[in-house]
Amino acid sequence: MSEGYAIELYFDPALENQVLKAWNVVARRQISTHLIEIESRPHITLFSSPFIDPSKLENIVKSFASKQDPLPLSFGSIGSLPNDNNVLFLAPTPTLPLLQFHYQLCDAMKREGIEIGEEYRPDSWIPYCPVAEEVPKNRMAEAFTVLRDLKLPVTGYAMDIGLVEYSPVRELFSFVLGSSSVES
């Protein structure tokens, strides 16, 4: 039984490798291997819901992706979410193009009658790329210290947008930005 679905933004190979380095550093220190175990891929979550009809989203995401260009991204800081999942992340600079990209996607989904939960509404969304999840509380400081050794900022482009079912993560479809071809 699926826990839910998420629309994720994926990166160019060089940026993806930079994020994977962070995952591997945290895993080698035996702080957290959760993202690797659930077979996730470096991403920024744009929308998530436990109840959604994936087929309803496919045309929306395909049409949206075809009208978008690859999006420049720069991850310049490390952060943590105030929840029980003990997530550490790389935070992208919240540029106007990134915020507009998210707003336009939400707008396209709302026009099709899809409810956007509070966490993903444009006025409350926090863009982030997870690098460690389920970090033991007593190892959060160590994890921060390890991640601070990364050479930031890391920059690149968002190149694809896709829908995954979780957990474990299973990609249902993805589309290259600026094209209407299917990747999966």
Protein backbone atom coordinates (compact mmCIF):
# COMPACT_ATOMS: atom_id res chain seq x y z
CA MET A 1 0.00 0.00 0.00
CA SER A 2 1.39 3.35 -1.01
CA GLU A 3 1.98 6.08 1.59
CA GLY A 4 1.46 8.74 -1.03
CA TYR A 5 2.58 10.47 -4.19
CA ALA A 6 4.95 13.36 -4.81
CA ILE A 7 5.79 15.58 -7.76
CA GLU A 8 9.54 15.98 -7.74
CA LEU A 9 11.99 18.22 -9.55
CA TYR A 10 15.16 16.44 -10.70
CA PHE A 11 18.61 17.82 -11.47
CA ASP A 12 21.23 17.66 -14.19
CA PRO A 13 23.76 14.81 -13.69
CA ALA A 14 26.52 17.02 -12.24
CA LEU A 15 24.24 18.58 -9.61
CA GLU A 16 22.68 15.21 -8.83
CA ASN A 17 26.18 13.81 -8.20
CA GLN A 18 26.95 16.67 -5.79
CA VAL A 19 23.84 15.82 -3.77
CA LEU A 20 24.66 12.10 -3.87
CA LYS A 21 28.08 12.93 -2.40
CA ALA A 22 26.29 14.48 0.58
CA TRP A 23 24.08 11.37 0.95
CA ASN A 24 27.14 9.13 0.84
CA VAL A 25 29.10 11.18 3.39
CA VAL A 26 26.18 10.91 5.83
CA ALA A 27 25.79 7.18 5.06
CA ARG A 28 29.52 6.42 5.50
CA ARG A 29 29.36 8.04 8.95
CA GLN A 30 26.40 5.74 9.67
CA ILE A 31 24.22 8.75 10.51
CA SER A 32 21.43 8.04 8.00
CA THR A 33 20.98 5.77 4.98
CA HIS A 34 17.21 6.25 4.71
CA LEU A 35 17.16 8.04 1.31
CA ILE A 36 19.41 5.37 -0.19
CA GLU A 37 17.32 2.55 1.33
CA ILE A 38 14.01 3.88 -0.06
CA GLU A 39 15.68 4.28 -3.48
CA SER A 40 15.03 7.98 -3.66
CA ARG A 41 16.74 10.26 -6.15
CA PRO A 42 18.06 13.78 -5.40
CA HIS A 43 15.10 16.13 -5.78
CA ILE A 44 13.03 19.05 -4.58
CA THR A 45 9.45 18.08 -3.73
CA LEU A 46 6.95 20.42 -5.38
CA PHE A 47 3.76 18.70 -4.19
CA SER A 48 2.83 15.67 -2.15
CA SER A 49 -0.45 14.02 -1.22
CA PRO A 50 -1.50 10.69 0.25
CA PHE A 51 -4.57 10.65 -2.01
CA ILE A 52 -4.22 11.50 -5.69
CA ASP A 53 -5.09 9.88 -8.99
CA PRO A 54 -1.73 9.59 -10.80
CA SER A 55 -3.40 9.46 -14.21
CA LYS A 56 -5.05 12.83 -13.50
CA LEU A 57 -1.64 14.37 -12.80
CA GLU A 58 0.17 12.95 -15.83
CA ASN A 59 -1.40 15.28 -18.42
CA ILE A 60 -1.06 18.29 -16.11
CA VAL A 61 2.65 17.63 -15.47
CA LYS A 62 3.35 16.76 -19.13
CA SER A 63 1.74 19.96 -20.36
CA PHE A 64 3.41 22.04 -17.65
CA ALA A 65 6.88 20.56 -18.33
CA SER A 66 6.62 21.24 -22.05
CA LYS A 67 6.22 24.98 -21.35
CA GLN A 68 9.18 25.25 -18.93
CA ASP A 69 12.89 25.70 -19.51
CA PRO A 70 15.55 24.03 -17.40
CA LEU A 71 15.69 25.97 -14.14
CA PRO A 72 18.97 27.24 -12.67
CA LEU A 73 19.47 26.17 -9.06
CA SER A 74 22.02 27.07 -6.42
CA PHE A 75 22.12 25.21 -3.09
CA GLY A 76 23.88 27.55 -0.70
CA SER A 77 22.84 26.50 2.80
CA ILE A 78 22.04 23.54 5.01
CA GLY A 79 18.86 23.32 7.05
CA SER A 80 16.60 21.12 9.12
CA LEU A 81 12.82 20.79 9.32
CA PRO A 82 11.03 21.15 12.67
CA ASN A 83 9.33 17.76 12.51
CA ASP A 84 9.80 14.23 13.78
CA ASN A 85 11.47 12.95 10.60
CA ASN A 86 14.73 14.69 11.53
CA VAL A 87 15.41 15.78 7.95
CA LEU A 88 18.57 17.61 6.96
CA PHE A 89 18.60 19.32 3.59
CA LEU A 90 20.36 21.54 1.13
CA ALA A 91 18.36 24.71 0.62
CA PRO A 92 18.17 26.27 -2.83
CA THR A 93 18.36 30.02 -3.10
CA PRO A 94 14.64 30.92 -3.41
CA THR A 95 14.95 32.73 -6.73
CA LEU A 96 11.99 34.31 -8.47
CA PRO A 97 12.17 31.71 -11.32
CA LEU A 98 12.04 28.82 -8.79
CA LEU A 99 9.13 30.36 -6.88
CA GLN A 100 7.26 31.16 -10.11
CA PHE A 101 7.85 27.60 -11.38
CA HIS A 102 6.23 26.21 -8.22
CA TYR A 103 3.40 28.76 -8.29
CA GLN A 104 2.59 27.97 -11.95
CA LEU A 105 2.52 24.22 -11.24
CA CYS A 106 0.17 24.73 -8.29
CA ASP A 107 -2.00 27.00 -10.41
CA ALA A 108 -2.21 24.38 -13.20
CA MET A 109 -3.20 21.71 -10.66
CA LYS A 110 -5.82 23.94 -8.97
CA ARG A 111 -7.40 24.65 -12.37
CA GLU A 112 -7.89 20.88 -12.69
CA GLY A 113 -9.53 20.67 -9.26
CA ILE A 114 -6.55 19.26 -7.36
CA GLU A 115 -6.35 20.39 -3.74
CA ILE A 116 -2.96 21.75 -2.69
CA GLY A 117 -2.17 20.94 0.95
CA GLU A 118 -1.00 23.73 3.26
CA GLU A 119 2.65 22.62 3.17
CA TYR A 120 2.84 22.95 -0.63
CA ARG A 121 0.82 26.14 -1.15
CA PRO A 122 2.96 28.83 -2.77
CA ASP A 123 2.75 31.13 0.26
CA SER A 124 4.02 28.46 2.67
CA TRP A 125 6.16 26.07 0.56
CA ILE A 126 9.76 25.60 1.69
CA PRO A 127 11.91 24.35 -1.20
CA TYR A 128 14.59 21.90 -0.10
CA CYS A 129 16.61 18.92 -1.27
CA PRO A 130 16.80 16.24 1.44
CA VAL A 131 20.26 14.84 2.18
CA ALA A 132 19.43 12.87 5.33
CA GLU A 133 16.17 11.66 6.86
CA GLU A 134 15.42 9.95 10.15
CA VAL A 135 18.67 11.22 11.65
CA PRO A 136 18.85 10.15 15.30
CA LYS A 137 18.30 13.24 17.48
CA ASN A 138 21.57 12.71 19.30
CA ARG A 139 23.45 12.78 15.94
CA MET A 140 21.89 15.92 14.40
CA ALA A 141 24.82 18.14 15.45
CA GLU A 142 27.31 15.66 14.00
CA ALA A 143 25.32 15.47 10.76
CA PHE A 144 25.31 19.28 10.48
CA THR A 145 29.07 19.33 11.07
CA VAL A 146 29.65 16.72 8.36
CA LEU A 147 27.45 18.60 5.87
CA ARG A 148 29.11 21.93 6.66
CA ASP A 149 32.30 20.48 5.16
CA LEU A 150 30.61 20.37 1.74
CA LYS A 151 31.82 23.04 -0.62
CA LEU A 152 28.74 25.22 -1.03
CA PRO A 153 27.16 26.58 -3.06
CA VAL A 154 26.58 23.73 -5.50
CA THR A 155 24.88 24.87 -8.66
CA GLY A 156 23.23 23.33 -11.67
CA TYR A 157 19.85 22.97 -13.29
CA ALA A 158 16.52 21.32 -12.68
CA MET A 159 16.00 19.29 -15.85
CA ASP A 160 13.07 16.92 -15.25
CA ILE A 161 9.82 16.78 -13.33
CA GLY A 162 8.21 13.51 -12.34
CA LEU A 163 5.66 11.76 -10.17
CA VAL A 164 6.72 9.14 -7.66
CA GLU A 165 4.83 6.79 -5.41
CA TYR A 166 6.41 6.15 -2.00
CA SER A 167 7.72 4.36 0.02
CA PRO A 168 9.89 2.78 -1.36
CA VAL A 169 10.14 5.34 -4.12
CA ARG A 170 8.86 4.25 -7.52
CA GLU A 171 8.83 6.70 -10.40
CA LEU A 172 5.53 6.59 -12.27
CA PHE A 173 6.50 9.07 -15.01
CA SER A 174 8.84 11.97 -15.70
CA PHE A 175 9.17 14.63 -18.34
CA VAL A 176 12.14 16.68 -19.47
CA LEU A 177 11.56 20.40 -19.02
CA GLY A 178 10.96 22.11 -22.35
CA SER A 179 9.92 18.92 -24.10
CA SER A 180 6.85 16.73 -24.24
CA SER A 181 8.68 13.39 -24.43
CA VAL A 182 8.37 10.77 -21.72
CA GLU A 183 11.52 9.58 -19.96
CA SER A 184 10.23 6.56 -18.09
